[in-house]
């Protein structure tokens, strides 16, 4: 007889309930979140021959141990579990043991409505750890940079706009040498030139212009004691920022190497033109994974990526609403892909322009284009092939040039190739992509000239 289990996980303990296919309780226990407890939990589930284990998270140490024990796991969204509680208890009570019961019942009666968790390869897990770790470091860098900017605005705003970015290497080096107006009082053109040469400054601003910007900035009226205290705070923030900036660059190099070595890396690199573009491509690969059964259709990928709206219907009312429940990282990656390609890719430009003409604002038009890219990416991902514009029917139809004839219009291959060469040039595409990505690295293959005007699209339209 089949049996099912629900595990309500926590940081210190896990409540487990096991029942058979008729709903009869076989086991109700609590296991500690330590090595002994996890081993006992897995042994208990295997001893009762559990077919499915329902849990409210798709990753983590507990899920890894369940998968390693050969158990099939249903990773349920907390909103799904919360909506099911009222099905079994009208009074609104809640406990960890009751949540384990709800999870167990969902595994027993509604398992056909959910997908079994399919583990990714070790390479994909490593790439996901790198991209998510970089994202957290970027968030920490932005928070510290905002704190540094706020501190400088209180007593010395001159260095804020001196260089392109406050957290750039040259800007942090300047603040490390001149953390307050006291140190910068004697700073002239010669000293500025020496500082720039010592730090290998490659910007376009001259020492005279930088000194002029410092002199023209508003001067504070803080006393010597306050300036000394704020100078100490500026140095502390710089000391915290510099290693984070260096670690982010090191992680980006590791991400580029991991993406290059991944079997599916070429699929996602082919979507971008800039060789420096690796972060967005790596994020898409890491979040989509390498298990093809996870997204059986392109619509499931578009829904999980937040590119497809949620339909709300009631009587005569029918509206499309923003999809909040999705993979936020995957949504950002597809929106970045859509926003970059709309500036150089003819098919993407036309798709975005149609959405704008239909009255959509920029974010919604970007998601509309992102949904179209989901179909292309899904087809390439399923076929394990890189994106080839020559097989993209939507692009071929958009760029096809025809000439009238006695037997009807016929394609003009030479004119089509000339138009494509004028529309999608490699330097123009890379400049547009860099502007759209706002300096984020990705990677790409060059877009080849189109060999045939009408090729059946295996990459979606």
Protein backbone atom coordinates (compact mmCIF):
# COMPACT_ATOMS: atom_id res chain seq x y z
CA UNK A 1 0.00 0.00 0.00
CA UNK A 2 1.31 3.42 -0.96
CA UNK A 3 2.14 5.98 1.69
CA UNK A 4 2.66 9.75 1.61
CA UNK A 5 4.42 12.23 3.87
CA UNK A 6 4.27 15.90 4.72
CA UNK A 7 7.25 17.68 6.28
CA UNK A 8 6.85 21.08 7.93
CA UNK A 9 10.43 22.30 7.98
CA UNK A 10 11.97 24.78 10.42
CA UNK A 11 15.43 25.97 11.39
CA UNK A 12 15.66 23.75 14.48
CA UNK A 13 13.14 20.90 13.97
CA UNK A 14 10.94 19.24 11.35
CA UNK A 15 7.42 17.93 11.98
CA UNK A 16 6.59 14.86 9.89
CA UNK A 17 3.30 13.08 9.25
CA UNK A 18 2.99 9.89 7.18
CA UNK A 19 -0.30 8.35 6.05
CA UNK A 20 -1.38 5.58 3.70
CA UNK A 21 -3.46 6.02 0.56
CA UNK A 22 -6.70 5.89 2.58
CA UNK A 23 -5.59 8.72 4.88
CA UNK A 24 -4.82 6.51 7.89
CA UNK A 25 -2.01 7.97 9.98
CA UNK A 26 1.12 5.82 10.07
CA UNK A 27 3.62 8.14 11.71
CA UNK A 28 3.58 11.52 13.44
CA UNK A 29 6.92 12.62 14.82
CA UNK A 30 9.33 15.52 15.22
CA UNK A 31 12.98 15.32 14.17
CA UNK A 32 15.75 17.71 15.17
CA UNK A 33 17.63 19.63 12.50
CA UNK A 34 20.96 17.93 13.08
CA UNK A 35 22.78 15.03 11.49
CA UNK A 36 21.16 12.44 13.72
CA UNK A 37 17.70 13.91 13.20
CA UNK A 38 18.02 14.10 9.41
CA UNK A 39 19.27 10.52 9.20
CA UNK A 40 16.39 9.32 11.39
CA UNK A 41 13.89 11.27 9.29
CA UNK A 42 15.07 9.73 6.01
CA UNK A 43 15.17 6.23 7.51
CA UNK A 44 11.61 6.61 8.85
CA UNK A 45 10.29 7.71 5.46
CA UNK A 46 12.06 4.87 3.66
CA UNK A 47 10.87 2.34 6.26
CA UNK A 48 7.26 3.31 5.53
CA UNK A 49 7.91 3.13 1.77
CA UNK A 50 6.85 6.74 1.21
CA UNK A 51 6.02 7.51 -2.44
CA UNK A 52 5.88 11.31 -2.22
CA UNK A 53 7.12 13.86 0.31
CA UNK A 54 5.52 17.33 0.31
CA UNK A 55 7.54 20.26 1.67
CA UNK A 56 7.22 24.05 1.45
CA UNK A 57 10.56 24.80 -0.18
CA UNK A 58 12.39 23.73 -3.36
CA UNK A 59 15.96 23.77 -2.03
CA UNK A 60 18.02 23.67 1.11
CA UNK A 61 19.75 21.04 3.19
CA UNK A 62 16.56 19.15 4.08
CA UNK A 63 15.44 18.85 0.44
CA UNK A 64 18.92 17.75 -0.62
CA UNK A 65 18.92 14.98 1.98
CA UNK A 66 15.46 13.79 0.90
CA UNK A 67 16.52 13.65 -2.74
CA UNK A 68 19.78 11.94 -1.84
CA UNK A 69 17.77 9.23 -0.04
CA UNK A 70 15.93 8.51 -3.30
CA UNK A 71 12.63 10.07 -2.25
CA UNK A 72 10.35 11.96 -4.63
CA UNK A 73 9.69 15.48 -3.40
CA UNK A 74 6.80 17.85 -4.08
CA UNK A 75 7.97 21.43 -3.51
CA UNK A 76 4.80 23.42 -2.78
CA UNK A 77 4.49 27.18 -2.66
CA UNK A 78 3.56 28.50 0.82
CA UNK A 79 0.56 30.30 -0.70
CA UNK A 80 -0.81 26.98 -1.94
CA UNK A 81 -0.51 25.47 1.51
CA UNK A 82 -2.03 28.54 3.19
CA UNK A 83 -5.02 28.42 0.83
CA UNK A 84 -5.59 24.74 1.67
CA UNK A 85 -5.67 25.06 5.47
CA UNK A 86 -9.29 26.21 5.49
CA UNK A 87 -10.20 23.00 3.65
CA UNK A 88 -9.46 21.02 6.81
CA UNK A 89 -10.01 23.53 9.63
CA UNK A 90 -12.70 26.21 9.54
CA UNK A 91 -11.69 27.76 12.88
CA UNK A 92 -8.46 29.14 11.44
CA UNK A 93 -6.08 27.43 13.84
CA UNK A 94 -2.49 26.71 12.85
CA UNK A 95 0.36 24.59 14.18
CA UNK A 96 3.43 22.88 12.82
CA UNK A 97 1.85 19.45 13.20
CA UNK A 98 -1.28 20.64 11.39
CA UNK A 99 0.82 22.05 8.53
CA UNK A 100 2.52 18.66 8.19
CA UNK A 101 -0.95 17.09 7.97
CA UNK A 102 -2.02 19.57 5.25
CA UNK A 103 1.14 18.86 3.26
CA UNK A 104 0.60 15.12 3.61
CA UNK A 105 -3.01 15.41 2.39
CA UNK A 106 -1.93 17.48 -0.62
CA UNK A 107 0.61 14.81 -1.51
CA UNK A 108 -2.01 12.09 -1.11
CA UNK A 109 -4.99 13.63 -2.90
CA UNK A 110 -3.62 16.40 -5.18
CA UNK A 111 -0.18 15.20 -6.23
CA UNK A 112 -1.33 15.09 -9.88
CA UNK A 113 -1.72 18.88 -9.77
CA UNK A 114 1.92 19.55 -8.86
CA UNK A 115 5.25 18.76 -10.45
CA UNK A 116 7.72 16.48 -8.75
CA UNK A 117 10.97 18.27 -7.96
CA UNK A 118 13.68 17.30 -10.43
CA UNK A 119 17.21 17.95 -9.16
CA UNK A 120 19.68 19.85 -11.33
CA UNK A 121 23.23 18.84 -12.09
CA UNK A 122 26.12 19.85 -9.86
CA UNK A 123 27.34 22.33 -12.51
CA UNK A 124 23.97 24.09 -12.54
CA UNK A 125 23.83 24.23 -8.75
CA UNK A 126 27.31 25.72 -8.65
CA UNK A 127 26.38 28.33 -11.25
CA UNK A 128 23.20 29.18 -9.33
CA UNK A 129 25.21 29.63 -6.13
CA UNK A 130 27.60 32.00 -7.93
CA UNK A 131 24.89 34.15 -9.55
CA UNK A 132 22.79 34.40 -6.41
CA UNK A 133 25.87 35.11 -4.30
CA UNK A 134 26.86 37.90 -6.68
CA UNK A 135 23.35 39.33 -6.47
CA UNK A 136 23.54 39.48 -2.68
CA UNK A 137 26.96 41.13 -2.82
CA UNK A 138 25.64 43.72 -5.29
CA UNK A 139 22.79 44.50 -2.91
CA UNK A 140 25.29 44.94 -0.07
CA UNK A 141 27.45 47.17 -2.28
CA UNK A 142 24.47 49.36 -3.21
CA UNK A 143 23.43 49.69 0.44
CA UNK A 144 26.94 50.67 1.55
CA UNK A 145 27.32 53.06 -1.39
CA UNK A 146 24.04 54.77 -0.50
CA UNK A 147 25.21 55.08 3.10
CA UNK A 148 28.52 56.57 1.94
CA UNK A 149 26.72 59.04 -0.32
CA UNK A 150 24.43 60.11 2.51
CA UNK A 151 27.42 60.61 4.81
CA UNK A 152 29.25 62.77 2.27
CA UNK A 153 26.17 64.88 1.61
CA UNK A 154 26.13 65.83 5.29
CA UNK A 155 29.53 67.53 5.32
CA UNK A 156 31.43 67.24 1.98
CA UNK A 157 29.36 66.59 -1.20
CA UNK A 158 32.18 67.41 -3.64
CA UNK A 159 33.45 63.81 -4.22
CA UNK A 160 29.95 62.43 -5.01
CA UNK A 161 29.88 63.55 -8.64
CA UNK A 162 33.62 63.74 -9.19
CA UNK A 163 33.84 60.43 -11.07
CA UNK A 164 31.25 58.34 -12.93
CA UNK A 165 30.33 56.08 -10.00
CA UNK A 166 30.84 56.63 -6.29
CA UNK A 167 31.75 52.97 -5.76
CA UNK A 168 34.19 52.82 -8.68
CA UNK A 169 37.79 51.91 -7.98
CA UNK A 170 39.12 55.41 -8.71
CA UNK A 171 36.44 57.07 -6.58
CA UNK A 172 37.12 54.82 -3.59
CA UNK A 173 40.86 55.42 -3.96
CA UNK A 174 40.28 59.19 -3.99
CA UNK A 175 38.16 59.06 -0.83
CA UNK A 176 40.71 56.84 0.85
CA UNK A 177 43.38 59.52 0.27
CA UNK A 178 41.06 62.52 0.80
CA UNK A 179 38.28 61.45 3.20
CA UNK A 180 37.46 65.01 4.31
CA UNK A 181 37.89 68.61 3.08
CA UNK A 182 40.91 69.01 5.40
CA UNK A 183 43.02 66.62 3.27
CA UNK A 184 41.78 68.15 0.00
CA UNK A 185 42.59 71.78 0.90
CA UNK A 186 46.01 71.68 -0.77
CA UNK A 187 44.95 69.50 -3.70
CA UNK A 188 45.93 71.19 -6.96
CA UNK A 189 46.28 70.15 -10.58
CA UNK A 190 49.76 68.64 -10.14
CA UNK A 191 48.77 66.51 -7.17
CA UNK A 192 45.55 65.47 -8.92
CA UNK A 193 47.53 64.48 -12.02
CA UNK A 194 49.94 62.44 -9.91
CA UNK A 195 47.03 60.75 -8.12
CA UNK A 196 45.35 59.85 -11.42
CA UNK A 197 48.59 58.47 -12.87
CA UNK A 198 49.28 56.46 -9.73
CA UNK A 199 45.82 54.85 -9.88
CA UNK A 200 45.89 54.36 -13.68
CA UNK A 201 42.85 56.51 -14.34
CA UNK A 202 41.54 55.95 -17.88
CA UNK A 203 38.64 58.40 -17.89
CA UNK A 204 38.27 61.43 -20.11
CA UNK A 205 38.33 64.11 -17.41
CA UNK A 206 41.46 66.22 -17.05
CA UNK A 207 43.07 67.07 -13.69
CA UNK A 208 42.12 70.72 -14.16
CA UNK A 209 38.47 69.86 -14.67
CA UNK A 210 38.38 67.55 -11.65
CA UNK A 211 39.93 70.21 -9.42
CA UNK A 212 37.44 72.76 -10.74
CA UNK A 213 34.56 70.43 -9.87
CA UNK A 214 35.91 70.07 -6.34
CA UNK A 215 36.23 73.83 -5.92
CA UNK A 216 32.76 74.58 -7.32
CA UNK A 217 30.93 72.13 -5.03
CA UNK A 218 29.08 73.59 -2.02
CA UNK A 219 31.16 73.88 1.11
CA UNK A 220 29.95 72.60 4.47
CA UNK A 221 30.15 74.44 7.76
CA UNK A 222 30.80 71.50 10.09
CA UNK A 223 33.18 72.02 12.98
CA UNK A 224 36.54 70.32 13.36
CA UNK A 225 35.19 67.72 15.79
CA UNK A 226 32.27 66.76 13.55
CA UNK A 227 34.50 66.58 10.46
CA UNK A 228 36.92 64.31 12.31
CA UNK A 229 34.05 61.99 13.32
CA UNK A 230 32.53 61.90 9.84
CA UNK A 231 35.97 61.35 8.32
CA UNK A 232 36.26 58.22 10.45
CA UNK A 233 32.86 57.01 9.21
CA UNK A 234 33.84 57.60 5.57
CA UNK A 235 37.02 55.56 5.99
CA UNK A 236 35.06 52.75 7.68
CA UNK A 237 32.55 52.61 4.80
CA UNK A 238 35.34 52.60 2.23
CA UNK A 239 37.06 49.75 4.08
CA UNK A 240 33.81 47.78 3.88
CA UNK A 241 33.14 48.65 0.22
CA UNK A 242 36.52 47.89 -1.35
CA UNK A 243 36.60 44.12 -0.67
CA UNK A 244 32.97 43.75 -1.77
CA UNK A 245 33.70 45.49 -5.09
CA UNK A 246 36.74 43.27 -5.60
CA UNK A 247 34.78 40.11 -4.71
CA UNK A 248 32.03 41.02 -7.19
CA UNK A 249 34.57 41.28 -10.00
CA UNK A 250 36.13 37.97 -8.97
CA UNK A 251 32.72 36.31 -8.92
CA UNK A 252 31.96 37.64 -12.39
CA UNK A 253 35.12 36.01 -13.69
CA UNK A 254 34.13 32.72 -12.05
CA UNK A 255 30.62 33.01 -13.50
CA UNK A 256 32.04 33.54 -16.99
CA UNK A 257 34.25 30.47 -16.62
CA UNK A 258 31.41 28.33 -15.22
CA UNK A 259 29.08 29.42 -18.02
CA UNK A 260 31.70 28.56 -20.62
CA UNK A 261 32.15 25.06 -19.20
CA UNK A 262 28.43 24.32 -18.77
CA UNK A 263 26.90 22.07 -21.48
CA UNK A 264 23.98 24.50 -21.93
CA UNK A 265 26.11 27.64 -21.71
CA UNK A 266 26.31 28.15 -25.47
CA UNK A 267 22.49 28.17 -25.70
CA UNK A 268 22.13 31.21 -23.46
CA UNK A 269 25.30 32.95 -24.63
CA UNK A 270 23.92 32.90 -28.17
CA UNK A 271 21.10 35.25 -27.13
CA UNK A 272 23.51 38.14 -26.47
CA UNK A 273 25.95 39.96 -28.72
CA UNK A 274 28.37 41.54 -26.26
CA UNK A 275 31.24 39.15 -25.32
CA UNK A 276 31.27 40.76 -21.84
CA UNK A 277 27.66 39.75 -21.26
CA UNK A 278 27.72 36.73 -18.96
CA UNK A 279 25.74 37.58 -15.82
CA UNK A 280 22.29 37.73 -17.43
CA UNK A 281 22.93 34.62 -19.53
CA UNK A 282 24.27 32.76 -16.49
CA UNK A 283 21.28 33.84 -14.38
CA UNK A 284 18.84 32.53 -17.00
CA UNK A 285 20.65 29.19 -17.16
CA UNK A 286 20.96 28.89 -13.38
CA UNK A 287 17.30 29.68 -12.71
CA UNK A 288 15.85 27.61 -15.56
CA UNK A 289 18.13 24.67 -14.77
CA UNK A 290 19.03 21.73 -16.95
CA UNK A 291 16.06 19.44 -16.23
CA UNK A 292 13.88 19.61 -19.35
CA UNK A 293 10.87 18.12 -17.56
CA UNK A 294 10.62 21.16 -15.28
CA UNK A 295 9.03 23.27 -18.03
CA UNK A 296 6.98 20.99 -20.32
CA UNK A 297 5.69 23.93 -22.40
CA UNK A 298 6.81 27.44 -23.25
CA UNK A 299 3.82 28.84 -21.35
CA UNK A 300 4.98 27.24 -18.09
CA UNK A 301 8.37 28.91 -18.55
CA UNK A 302 6.71 32.27 -19.32
CA UNK A 303 4.56 31.96 -16.21
CA UNK A 304 7.46 31.08 -13.91
CA UNK A 305 9.51 33.91 -15.45
CA UNK A 306 6.73 36.42 -14.76
CA UNK A 307 6.35 37.35 -18.44
CA UNK A 308 2.77 36.07 -18.79
CA UNK A 309 0.00 38.04 -17.05
CA UNK A 310 -2.61 36.52 -14.74
CA UNK A 311 -6.15 36.49 -16.17
CA UNK A 312 -8.92 37.57 -13.77
CA UNK A 313 -12.46 36.85 -14.97
CA UNK A 314 -15.76 37.44 -13.22
CA UNK A 315 -18.98 37.76 -15.19
CA UNK A 316 -18.46 40.36 -17.87
CA UNK A 317 -15.21 41.54 -16.32
CA UNK A 318 -11.99 40.16 -17.76
CA UNK A 319 -8.62 41.76 -17.08
CA UNK A 320 -4.96 40.76 -17.24
CA UNK A 321 -3.05 41.48 -14.03
CA UNK A 322 0.62 41.60 -13.16
CA UNK A 323 2.03 38.22 -12.09
CA UNK A 324 3.50 38.60 -8.63
CA UNK A 325 4.08 34.90 -7.85
CA UNK A 326 7.04 34.01 -10.04
CA UNK A 327 10.80 33.58 -10.03
CA UNK A 328 11.92 37.18 -9.55
CA UNK A 329 15.49 36.53 -10.70
CA UNK A 330 14.28 34.84 -13.86
CA UNK A 331 11.85 37.69 -14.51
CA UNK A 332 14.64 40.25 -14.24
CA UNK A 333 16.81 38.21 -16.62
CA UNK A 334 14.12 37.94 -19.30
CA UNK A 335 13.25 41.63 -18.95
CA UNK A 336 16.94 42.47 -19.40
CA UNK A 337 17.08 40.26 -22.50
CA UNK A 338 13.94 41.92 -23.93
CA UNK A 339 15.09 45.46 -23.14
CA UNK A 340 18.50 44.90 -24.74
CA UNK A 341 17.30 43.15 -27.90
CA UNK A 342 14.58 45.71 -28.62
CA UNK A 343 17.34 48.20 -29.43
CA UNK A 344 19.10 46.16 -32.14
CA UNK A 345 17.10 43.05 -33.06
CA UNK A 346 14.57 43.80 -35.88
CA UNK A 347 12.03 41.20 -34.75
CA UNK A 348 12.25 42.36 -31.14
CA UNK A 349 11.94 46.00 -32.21
CA UNK A 350 8.77 45.23 -34.15
CA UNK A 351 7.30 43.19 -31.30
CA UNK A 352 7.97 45.96 -28.79
CA UNK A 353 6.62 48.64 -31.15
CA UNK A 354 3.36 46.71 -31.59
CA UNK A 355 2.95 46.46 -27.83
CA UNK A 356 3.50 50.21 -27.44
CA UNK A 357 1.02 50.88 -30.27
CA UNK A 358 -1.55 48.76 -28.41
CA UNK A 359 -1.33 51.19 -25.49
CA UNK A 360 1.04 49.29 -23.21
CA UNK A 361 3.55 51.22 -21.14
CA UNK A 362 7.26 50.39 -21.28
CA UNK A 363 7.34 47.75 -18.49
CA UNK A 364 4.36 45.87 -19.89
CA UNK A 365 5.66 46.09 -23.46
CA UNK A 366 9.00 44.72 -22.24
CA UNK A 367 7.23 41.77 -20.60
CA UNK A 368 5.23 41.19 -23.80
CA UNK A 369 8.48 40.95 -25.72
CA UNK A 370 9.94 38.82 -22.92
CA UNK A 371 7.07 36.37 -23.32
CA UNK A 372 7.86 36.07 -27.02
CA UNK A 373 11.51 35.43 -26.14
CA UNK A 374 10.35 32.72 -23.70
CA UNK A 375 9.03 30.72 -26.64
CA UNK A 376 12.33 31.09 -28.47
CA UNK A 377 14.46 30.27 -25.43
CA UNK A 378 12.28 27.29 -24.49
CA UNK A 379 12.57 25.78 -27.96
CA UNK A 380 16.35 26.24 -28.03
CA UNK A 381 16.64 24.85 -24.50
CA UNK A 382 14.52 21.79 -25.24
CA UNK A 383 16.42 21.05 -28.47
CA UNK A 384 19.79 21.78 -26.81
CA UNK A 385 20.75 24.07 -29.68
CA UNK A 386 22.03 27.65 -29.75
CA UNK A 387 19.85 30.45 -31.05
CA UNK A 388 20.19 30.68 -34.84
CA UNK A 389 18.44 33.66 -36.49
CA UNK A 390 18.37 31.75 -39.77
CA UNK A 391 15.87 29.35 -38.15
CA UNK A 392 13.81 32.06 -36.45
CA UNK A 393 10.68 32.27 -38.57
CA UNK A 394 9.41 35.45 -36.93
CA UNK A 395 12.64 37.27 -37.74
CA UNK A 396 12.74 35.85 -41.26
CA UNK A 397 9.20 37.02 -41.98
CA UNK A 398 9.92 40.46 -40.57
CA UNK A 399 13.06 41.00 -42.67
CA UNK A 400 11.96 39.28 -45.88
CA UNK A 401 12.08 41.44 -49.02
CA UNK A 402 9.84 40.34 -51.90
CA UNK A 403 9.52 41.55 -55.46
CA UNK A 404 6.36 41.23 -57.57
CA UNK A 405 6.29 38.71 -60.39
CA UNK A 406 3.89 37.23 -62.92
CA UNK A 407 3.33 34.18 -60.71
CA UNK A 408 3.16 36.20 -57.51
CA UNK A 409 5.68 37.81 -55.14
CA UNK A 410 9.01 36.06 -54.78
CA UNK A 411 11.76 36.59 -52.20
CA UNK A 412 14.74 38.78 -53.08
CA UNK A 413 17.64 37.13 -51.26
CA UNK A 414 20.22 39.79 -52.09
CA UNK A 415 18.00 42.65 -50.94
CA UNK A 416 17.08 40.76 -47.78
CA UNK A 417 20.72 40.22 -46.91
CA UNK A 418 21.57 43.85 -47.62
CA UNK A 419 18.72 45.03 -45.40
CA UNK A 420 19.76 42.68 -42.62
CA UNK A 421 23.36 43.84 -42.91
CA UNK A 422 22.26 47.46 -42.60
CA UNK A 423 19.82 46.82 -39.76
CA UNK A 424 21.75 44.44 -37.53
CA UNK A 425 25.37 45.52 -37.52
CA UNK A 426 27.66 44.05 -34.92
CA UNK A 427 29.02 47.31 -33.41
CA UNK A 428 25.59 48.93 -33.25
CA UNK A 429 24.09 45.90 -31.56
CA UNK A 430 26.85 45.75 -28.97
CA UNK A 431 26.53 49.45 -28.15
CA UNK A 432 22.76 49.12 -27.72
CA UNK A 433 23.14 46.03 -25.58
CA UNK A 434 25.70 47.64 -23.30
CA UNK A 435 23.39 50.61 -22.79
CA UNK A 436 20.42 48.38 -22.01
CA UNK A 437 22.35 46.12 -19.66
CA UNK A 438 23.77 49.16 -17.86
CA UNK A 439 27.21 47.68 -17.60
CA UNK A 440 26.12 44.19 -16.56
CA UNK A 441 28.35 41.57 -18.16
CA UNK A 442 26.82 38.84 -20.47
CA UNK A 443 28.22 36.88 -23.43
CA UNK A 444 27.22 36.19 -27.00
CA UNK A 445 27.88 34.81 -30.40
CA UNK A 446 27.88 37.04 -33.50
CA UNK A 447 24.65 37.11 -35.45
CA UNK A 448 25.29 35.41 -38.83
CA UNK A 449 23.82 36.63 -42.08
CA UNK A 450 20.58 34.96 -42.98
CA UNK A 451 21.03 32.18 -45.47
CA UNK A 452 17.38 31.64 -46.40
CA UNK A 453 14.47 34.05 -46.15
CA UNK A 454 11.85 31.50 -45.16
CA UNK A 455 12.95 28.66 -42.92
CA UNK A 456 10.52 26.83 -40.75
CA UNK A 457 11.04 28.10 -37.24
CA UNK A 458 12.22 25.55 -34.74
CA UNK A 459 13.00 28.26 -32.20
CA UNK A 460 9.49 29.64 -31.90
CA UNK A 461 8.02 32.90 -33.24
